[in-house]
Amino acid sequence: MVSLQNVTRFYSSGTGEVRALDGVSLQLEPGAFATVTGPSGCGKSTLLNLLGGLDHPTSGEIHVAGIPLHGAGEAELTHYRRHTLGIVFQFFNLLPAMTVSENVELPLLLRGESASTSASRVSDMLALVGLSHRAAHFPGQLSGGEMQRTAIARALVGNPALLLADEPTGNLDSANAALVCETFSKIASQKIATLIIVTHSDLVAALAPVRIHMLDGKILSQSPAGPAL
């Protein structure tokens, strides 16, 4: 499902070359659940950007659901982001003038889905994250945890093969973080999508069967060890 082979991402800076990723290889099977941890500057965000089709590697190969991201053009990457990928951000990124239901529906509108298909899919996703009763509310009427669960529903509504989450509990109190963790656990147990979460939280990291720790642009450890490349 996710395959990185000797991936590097180097940047030029005023003081020389920055090795954001340095020879990273990784294999995840369909439906896998992995968390990525490590100190700031270790390469977590760069890894997420590459998997999200927001950046290109300096060298190496990246395949997601059979799509070669390392060689894809911008049109291919746009199609990938709309049809294969879902992303959950730390700060929710909900549109305040839209209801919960309308926010969740937005990716389907961008894809030109029919109203009937959209309505059914939105209803299913809100039920999955426990927010059916909030469908007509606006983001300003929600708790932080409810806003994040709305964002998760929006990320999943297009039926992505890969779901990425960037510090999804970083802006939440402990009670709301626990509810969001429950939602991710449900997604993982039902194998709705391959799930990769970048986090500083020990609580979130402990959720995943696959735990990846990064340091200085490299994968320092992976538990359990991944399949041979």
C-alpha atoms as a PDB file:
ATOM      1  CA  MET A   1       0.000   0.000   0.000  1.00  0.00           C
ATOM      2  CA  VAL A   2       2.769   2.432   1.017  1.00  0.00           C
ATOM      3  CA  SER A   3       6.309   1.855  -0.204  1.00  0.00           C
ATOM      4  CA  LEU A   4       9.321   4.144   0.174  1.00  0.00           C
ATOM      5  CA  GLN A   5      12.661   2.972  -1.156  1.00  0.00           C
ATOM      6  CA  ASN A   6      15.798   4.880  -0.147  1.00  0.00           C
ATOM      7  CA  VAL A   7      14.003   8.229  -0.201  1.00  0.00           C
ATOM      8  CA  THR A   8      15.971  11.421   0.350  1.00  0.00           C
ATOM      9  CA  ARG A   9      14.868  15.041   0.507  1.00  0.00           C
ATOM     10  CA  PHE A  10      17.648  17.602   0.648  1.00  0.00           C
ATOM     11  CA  TYR A  11      17.234  21.376   0.799  1.00  0.00           C
ATOM     12  CA  SER A  12      19.768  24.104   0.168  1.00  0.00           C
ATOM     13  CA  SER A  13      20.174  26.709   2.886  1.00  0.00           C
ATOM     14  CA  GLY A  14      22.453  29.637   3.548  1.00  0.00           C
ATOM     15  CA  THR A  15      24.719  27.402   5.615  1.00  0.00           C
ATOM     16  CA  GLY A  16      24.759  24.439   3.249  1.00  0.00           C
ATOM     17  CA  GLU A  17      22.593  21.385   2.636  1.00  0.00           C
ATOM     18  CA  VAL A  18      19.783  20.307   4.966  1.00  0.00           C
ATOM     19  CA  ARG A  19      19.057  16.570   4.888  1.00  0.00           C
ATOM     20  CA  ALA A  20      15.379  16.499   5.859  1.00  0.00           C
ATOM     21  CA  LEU A  21      15.079  12.830   4.839  1.00  0.00           C
ATOM     22  CA  ASP A  22      18.174  10.708   4.398  1.00  0.00           C
ATOM     23  CA  GLY A  23      17.702   7.244   2.919  1.00  0.00           C
ATOM     24  CA  VAL A  24      14.265   6.377   4.319  1.00  0.00           C
ATOM     25  CA  SER A  25      12.739   3.013   3.359  1.00  0.00           C
ATOM     26  CA  LEU A  26       9.332   1.881   4.583  1.00  0.00           C
ATOM     27  CA  GLN A  27       6.673  -0.684   3.667  1.00  0.00           C
ATOM     28  CA  LEU A  28       3.093  -0.692   4.987  1.00  0.00           C
ATOM     29  CA  GLU A  29       0.400  -3.153   3.977  1.00  0.00           C
ATOM     30  CA  PRO A  30      -3.181  -2.107   3.084  1.00  0.00           C
ATOM     31  CA  GLY A  31      -5.151  -1.281   6.241  1.00  0.00           C
ATOM     32  CA  ALA A  32      -2.007  -0.807   8.343  1.00  0.00           C
ATOM     33  CA  PHE A  33      -2.007   1.655  11.242  1.00  0.00           C
ATOM     34  CA  ALA A  34       1.296   3.394  11.975  1.00  0.00           C
ATOM     35  CA  THR A  35       2.389   6.312  14.129  1.00  0.00           C
ATOM     36  CA  VAL A  36       5.523   8.368  13.471  1.00  0.00           C
ATOM     37  CA  THR A  37       7.315  10.031  16.373  1.00  0.00           C
ATOM     38  CA  GLY A  38      10.554  11.912  16.913  1.00  0.00           C
ATOM     39  CA  PRO A  39      11.850  15.329  17.960  1.00  0.00           C
ATOM     40  CA  SER A  40      11.144  18.502  16.013  1.00  0.00           C
ATOM     41  CA  GLY A  41      13.252  18.649  12.870  1.00  0.00           C
ATOM     42  CA  CYS A  42      13.663  14.869  12.601  1.00  0.00           C
ATOM     43  CA  GLY A  43      11.867  14.611   9.228  1.00  0.00           C
ATOM     44  CA  LYS A  44       8.309  13.748  10.260  1.00  0.00           C
ATOM     45  CA  SER A  45       6.697  16.683   8.440  1.00  0.00           C
ATOM     46  CA  THR A  46       8.822  16.131   5.348  1.00  0.00           C
ATOM     47  CA  LEU A  47       7.726  12.492   5.264  1.00  0.00           C
ATOM     48  CA  LEU A  48       4.090  13.569   5.574  1.00  0.00           C
ATOM     49  CA  ASN A  49       4.457  16.142   2.782  1.00  0.00           C
ATOM     50  CA  LEU A  50       5.958  13.557   0.446  1.00  0.00           C
ATOM     51  CA  LEU A  51       3.219  11.016   1.171  1.00  0.00           C
ATOM     52  CA  GLY A  52       0.667  13.782   0.698  1.00  0.00           C
ATOM     53  CA  GLY A  53       1.952  14.612  -2.764  1.00  0.00           C
ATOM     54  CA  LEU A  54       2.853  18.121  -1.604  1.00  0.00           C
ATOM     55  CA  ASP A  55       6.578  17.742  -2.305  1.00  0.00           C
ATOM     56  CA  HIS A  56       8.916  15.623  -4.437  1.00  0.00           C
ATOM     57  CA  PRO A  57      11.848  13.565  -3.156  1.00  0.00           C
ATOM     58  CA  THR A  58      15.374  14.471  -4.144  1.00  0.00           C
ATOM     59  CA  SER A  59      15.947  10.793  -4.891  1.00  0.00           C
ATOM     60  CA  GLY A  60      14.325   7.431  -4.242  1.00  0.00           C
ATOM     61  CA  GLU A  61      10.895   6.028  -5.002  1.00  0.00           C
ATOM     62  CA  ILE A  62       7.503   6.517  -3.325  1.00  0.00           C
ATOM     63  CA  HIS A  63       4.496   4.394  -4.254  1.00  0.00           C
ATOM     64  CA  VAL A  64       1.056   4.749  -2.648  1.00  0.00           C
ATOM     65  CA  ALA A  65      -1.713   2.397  -3.808  1.00  0.00           C
ATOM     66  CA  GLY A  66       0.395   1.651  -6.872  1.00  0.00           C
ATOM     67  CA  ILE A  67       0.823   5.345  -7.766  1.00  0.00           C
ATOM     68  CA  PRO A  68       4.475   6.436  -8.299  1.00  0.00           C
ATOM     69  CA  LEU A  69       4.464   9.773  -6.493  1.00  0.00           C
ATOM     70  CA  HIS A  70       8.172  10.373  -7.135  1.00  0.00           C
ATOM     71  CA  GLY A  71       7.547  10.723 -10.872  1.00  0.00           C
ATOM     72  CA  ALA A  72       4.048  12.226 -10.874  1.00  0.00           C
ATOM     73  CA  GLY A  73       3.219  15.575 -12.451  1.00  0.00           C
ATOM     74  CA  GLU A  74       1.029  18.207 -10.835  1.00  0.00           C
ATOM     75  CA  ALA A  75      -2.182  17.027 -12.541  1.00  0.00           C
ATOM     76  CA  GLU A  76      -1.540  13.457 -11.366  1.00  0.00           C
ATOM     77  CA  LEU A  77      -0.809  14.653  -7.842  1.00  0.00           C
ATOM     78  CA  THR A  78      -4.023  16.719  -7.755  1.00  0.00           C
ATOM     79  CA  HIS A  79      -6.006  13.634  -8.799  1.00  0.00           C
ATOM     80  CA  TYR A  80      -4.158  11.595  -6.151  1.00  0.00           C
ATOM     81  CA  ARG A  81      -4.993  14.099  -3.400  1.00  0.00           C
ATOM     82  CA  ARG A  82      -8.681  14.170  -4.388  1.00  0.00           C
ATOM     83  CA  HIS A  83      -9.237  10.449  -4.892  1.00  0.00           C
ATOM     84  CA  THR A  84      -6.637   8.445  -2.954  1.00  0.00           C
ATOM     85  CA  LEU A  85      -5.683  10.618  -0.002  1.00  0.00           C
ATOM     86  CA  GLY A  86      -7.314  12.060   3.114  1.00  0.00           C
ATOM     87  CA  ILE A  87      -5.504  14.473   5.456  1.00  0.00           C
ATOM     88  CA  VAL A  88      -6.333  15.568   9.012  1.00  0.00           C
ATOM     89  CA  PHE A  89      -4.561  18.680  10.303  1.00  0.00           C
ATOM     90  CA  GLN A  90      -3.844  19.905  13.824  1.00  0.00           C
ATOM     91  CA  PHE A  91      -5.984  23.045  13.483  1.00  0.00           C
ATOM     92  CA  PHE A  92      -9.078  21.447  11.858  1.00  0.00           C
ATOM     93  CA  ASN A  93      -9.300  23.881   8.861  1.00  0.00           C
ATOM     94  CA  LEU A  94     -13.104  23.863   8.857  1.00  0.00           C
ATOM     95  CA  LEU A  95     -14.981  26.603   7.005  1.00  0.00           C
ATOM     96  CA  PRO A  96     -16.868  28.607   9.659  1.00  0.00           C
ATOM     97  CA  ALA A  97     -19.770  29.634   7.398  1.00  0.00           C
ATOM     98  CA  MET A  98     -20.578  26.006   6.535  1.00  0.00           C
ATOM     99  CA  THR A  99     -22.385  23.490   8.709  1.00  0.00           C
ATOM    100  CA  VAL A 100     -20.748  20.279   9.862  1.00  0.00           C
ATOM    101  CA  SER A 101     -22.529  18.402   7.083  1.00  0.00           C
ATOM    102  CA  GLU A 102     -21.466  20.932   4.441  1.00  0.00           C
ATOM    103  CA  ASN A 103     -17.848  20.853   5.595  1.00  0.00           C
ATOM    104  CA  VAL A 104     -17.773  17.074   5.344  1.00  0.00           C
ATOM    105  CA  GLU A 105     -19.416  17.156   1.911  1.00  0.00           C
ATOM    106  CA  LEU A 106     -16.939  19.634   0.407  1.00  0.00           C
ATOM    107  CA  PRO A 107     -14.420  17.087  -0.996  1.00  0.00           C
ATOM    108  CA  LEU A 108     -17.247  15.300  -2.802  1.00  0.00           C
ATOM    109  CA  LEU A 109     -18.442  18.549  -4.369  1.00  0.00           C
ATOM    110  CA  LEU A 110     -14.915  19.182  -5.643  1.00  0.00           C
ATOM    111  CA  ARG A 111     -15.026  15.757  -7.271  1.00  0.00           C
ATOM    112  CA  GLY A 112     -18.415  16.408  -8.883  1.00  0.00           C
ATOM    113  CA  GLU A 113     -20.284  13.685  -6.989  1.00  0.00           C
ATOM    114  CA  SER A 114     -24.074  13.598  -7.237  1.00  0.00           C
ATOM    115  CA  ALA A 115     -26.177  15.081  -4.429  1.00  0.00           C
ATOM    116  CA  SER A 116     -27.671  11.688  -3.547  1.00  0.00           C
ATOM    117  CA  THR A 117     -24.286   9.991  -3.347  1.00  0.00           C
ATOM    118  CA  SER A 118     -22.872  12.851  -1.303  1.00  0.00           C
ATOM    119  CA  ALA A 119     -25.747  12.893   1.185  1.00  0.00           C
ATOM    120  CA  SER A 120     -25.483   9.163   1.849  1.00  0.00           C
ATOM    121  CA  ARG A 121     -21.717   9.242   2.237  1.00  0.00           C
ATOM    122  CA  VAL A 122     -21.783  12.294   4.538  1.00  0.00           C
ATOM    123  CA  SER A 123     -24.393  10.624   6.729  1.00  0.00           C
ATOM    124  CA  ASP A 124     -22.279   7.469   6.996  1.00  0.00           C
ATOM    125  CA  MET A 125     -19.134   9.387   7.947  1.00  0.00           C
ATOM    126  CA  LEU A 126     -20.871  11.510  10.586  1.00  0.00           C
ATOM    127  CA  ALA A 127     -22.263   8.330  12.117  1.00  0.00           C
ATOM    128  CA  LEU A 128     -18.772   6.808  12.119  1.00  0.00           C
ATOM    129  CA  VAL A 129     -17.309   9.720  14.126  1.00  0.00           C
ATOM    130  CA  GLY A 130     -20.357  10.041  16.394  1.00  0.00           C
ATOM    131  CA  LEU A 131     -21.565  13.421  15.136  1.00  0.00           C
ATOM    132  CA  SER A 132     -24.867  12.702  13.405  1.00  0.00           C
ATOM    133  CA  HIS A 133     -26.601  14.898  15.978  1.00  0.00           C
ATOM    134  CA  ARG A 134     -24.308  17.821  15.080  1.00  0.00           C
ATOM    135  CA  ALA A 135     -24.848  17.761  11.295  1.00  0.00           C
ATOM    136  CA  ALA A 136     -26.662  21.118  11.161  1.00  0.00           C
ATOM    137  CA  HIS A 137     -24.357  22.918  13.601  1.00  0.00           C
ATOM    138  CA  PHE A 138     -21.584  25.322  12.631  1.00  0.00           C
ATOM    139  CA  PRO A 139     -17.930  24.874  13.674  1.00  0.00           C
ATOM    140  CA  GLY A 140     -18.201  27.737  16.164  1.00  0.00           C
ATOM    141  CA  GLN A 141     -20.822  25.726  18.051  1.00  0.00           C
ATOM    142  CA  LEU A 142     -18.565  22.688  18.486  1.00  0.00           C
ATOM    143  CA  SER A 143     -15.923  21.661  20.990  1.00  0.00           C
ATOM    144  CA  GLY A 144     -12.360  21.199  19.771  1.00  0.00           C
ATOM    145  CA  GLY A 145     -12.801  17.441  19.769  1.00  0.00           C
ATOM    146  CA  GLU A 146     -15.998  17.700  17.747  1.00  0.00           C
ATOM    147  CA  MET A 147     -14.269  19.950  15.227  1.00  0.00           C
ATOM    148  CA  GLN A 148     -11.453  17.439  14.850  1.00  0.00           C
ATOM    149  CA  ARG A 149     -13.870  14.552  14.424  1.00  0.00           C
ATOM    150  CA  THR A 150     -15.651  16.603  11.761  1.00  0.00           C
ATOM    151  CA  ALA A 151     -12.285  17.032  10.034  1.00  0.00           C
ATOM    152  CA  ILE A 152     -11.730  13.264  10.217  1.00  0.00           C
ATOM    153  CA  ALA A 153     -15.144  12.650   8.633  1.00  0.00           C
ATOM    154  CA  ARG A 154     -14.269  15.138   5.869  1.00  0.00           C
ATOM    155  CA  ALA A 155     -10.945  13.385   5.249  1.00  0.00           C
ATOM    156  CA  LEU A 156     -12.682  10.000   4.954  1.00  0.00           C
ATOM    157  CA  VAL A 157     -15.766  10.984   2.966  1.00  0.00           C
ATOM    158  CA  GLY A 158     -14.037  10.437  -0.381  1.00  0.00           C
ATOM    159  CA  ASN A 159     -13.128   6.853   0.592  1.00  0.00           C
ATOM    160  CA  PRO A 160      -9.347   7.385   0.489  1.00  0.00           C
ATOM    161  CA  ALA A 161      -6.890   4.514   0.452  1.00  0.00           C
ATOM    162  CA  LEU A 162      -4.491   6.468   2.691  1.00  0.00           C
ATOM    163  CA  LEU A 163      -5.339   8.703   5.642  1.00  0.00           C
ATOM    164  CA  LEU A 164      -2.610  10.986   7.005  1.00  0.00           C
ATOM    165  CA  ALA A 165      -2.946  12.886  10.281  1.00  0.00           C
ATOM    166  CA  ASP A 166      -0.569  15.638  11.366  1.00  0.00           C
ATOM    167  CA  GLU A 167      -0.539  16.123  15.164  1.00  0.00           C
ATOM    168  CA  PRO A 168      -4.327  15.552  15.300  1.00  0.00           C
ATOM    169  CA  THR A 169      -4.550  15.913  19.099  1.00  0.00           C
ATOM    170  CA  GLY A 170      -1.985  18.695  19.442  1.00  0.00           C
ATOM    171  CA  ASN A 171      -4.649  21.395  19.852  1.00  0.00           C
ATOM    172  CA  LEU A 172      -6.963  19.434  22.184  1.00  0.00           C
ATOM    173  CA  ASP A 173      -7.378  18.947  25.921  1.00  0.00           C
ATOM    174  CA  SER A 174      -6.961  15.432  27.302  1.00  0.00           C
ATOM    175  CA  ALA A 175     -10.677  14.544  27.274  1.00  0.00           C
ATOM    176  CA  ASN A 176     -11.181  15.569  23.647  1.00  0.00           C
ATOM    177  CA  ALA A 177      -7.876  13.966  22.655  1.00  0.00           C
ATOM    178  CA  ALA A 178      -9.122  10.679  24.093  1.00  0.00           C
ATOM    179  CA  LEU A 179     -12.310  10.876  21.997  1.00  0.00           C
ATOM    180  CA  VAL A 180     -10.300  11.557  18.852  1.00  0.00           C
ATOM    181  CA  CYS A 181      -8.044   8.613  19.702  1.00  0.00           C
ATOM    182  CA  GLU A 182     -11.125   6.398  20.002  1.00  0.00           C
ATOM    183  CA  THR A 183     -12.187   7.524  16.533  1.00  0.00           C
ATOM    184  CA  PHE A 184      -8.813   6.652  15.022  1.00  0.00           C
ATOM    185  CA  SER A 185      -8.882   3.269  16.755  1.00  0.00           C
ATOM    186  CA  LYS A 186     -12.290   2.582  15.204  1.00  0.00           C
ATOM    187  CA  ILE A 187     -11.002   3.545  11.746  1.00  0.00           C
ATOM    188  CA  ALA A 188      -8.014   1.243  12.199  1.00  0.00           C
ATOM    189  CA  SER A 189     -10.035  -1.692  13.528  1.00  0.00           C
ATOM    190  CA  GLN A 190     -12.425  -1.491  10.572  1.00  0.00           C
ATOM    191  CA  LYS A 191      -9.491  -1.049   8.149  1.00  0.00           C
ATOM    192  CA  ILE A 192     -11.304   1.825   6.477  1.00  0.00           C
ATOM    193  CA  ALA A 193      -7.986   3.202   5.218  1.00  0.00           C
ATOM    194  CA  THR A 194      -4.273   2.769   5.756  1.00  0.00           C
ATOM    195  CA  LEU A 195      -3.606   5.225   8.587  1.00  0.00           C
ATOM    196  CA  ILE A 196      -0.403   7.120   9.374  1.00  0.00           C
ATOM    197  CA  ILE A 197      -0.342   9.599  12.270  1.00  0.00           C
ATOM    198  CA  VAL A 198       2.552  11.957  12.976  1.00  0.00           C
ATOM    199  CA  THR A 199       2.489  12.838  16.662  1.00  0.00           C
ATOM    200  CA  HIS A 200       4.410  13.982  19.725  1.00  0.00           C
ATOM    201  CA  SER A 201       1.796  12.356  21.987  1.00  0.00           C
ATOM    202  CA  ASP A 202       2.652   9.115  23.776  1.00  0.00           C
ATOM    203  CA  LEU A 203      -1.096   8.453  24.076  1.00  0.00           C
ATOM    204  CA  VAL A 204      -1.550   8.592  20.306  1.00  0.00           C
ATOM    205  CA  ALA A 205       1.676   6.716  19.537  1.00  0.00           C
ATOM    206  CA  ALA A 206       0.594   3.829  21.755  1.00  0.00           C
ATOM    207  CA  LEU A 207      -2.559   3.292  19.678  1.00  0.00           C
ATOM    208  CA  ALA A 208      -0.790   1.872  16.649  1.00  0.00           C
ATOM    209  CA  PRO A 209       0.476  -1.650  16.005  1.00  0.00           C
ATOM    210  CA  VAL A 210       3.321  -0.121  13.958  1.00  0.00           C
ATOM    211  CA  ARG A 211       5.421   2.515  15.719  1.00  0.00           C
ATOM    212  CA  ILE A 212       8.099   4.376  13.753  1.00  0.00           C
ATOM    213  CA  HIS A 213      10.617   6.631  15.463  1.00  0.00           C
ATOM    214  CA  MET A 214      12.658   9.119  13.434  1.00  0.00           C
ATOM    215  CA  LEU A 215      15.850  11.020  14.153  1.00  0.00           C
ATOM    216  CA  ASP A 216      17.996  13.232  11.903  1.00  0.00           C
ATOM    217  CA  GLY A 217      16.045  12.397   8.756  1.00  0.00           C
ATOM    218  CA  LYS A 218      16.261   8.633   9.242  1.00  0.00           C
ATOM    219  CA  ILE A 219      14.003   5.926  10.639  1.00  0.00           C
ATOM    220  CA  LEU A 220      15.798   5.125  13.885  1.00  0.00           C
ATOM    221  CA  SER A 221      13.491   2.265  14.840  1.00  0.00           C
ATOM    222  CA  GLN A 222      10.301   0.534  13.743  1.00  0.00           C
ATOM    223  CA  SER A 223       8.301  -1.786  15.957  1.00  0.00           C
ATOM    224  CA  PRO A 224       7.494  -4.335  14.753  1.00  0.00           C
ATOM    225  CA  ALA A 225      10.122  -4.364  12.007  1.00  0.00           C
ATOM    226  CA  GLY A 226       8.684  -3.899   8.530  1.00  0.00           C
ATOM    227  CA  PRO A 227       8.939  -6.426   5.674  1.00  0.00           C
ATOM    228  CA  ALA A 228      12.238  -6.663   3.856  1.00  0.00           C
ATOM    229  CA  LEU A 229      12.648  -4.299   0.923  1.00  0.00           C
END
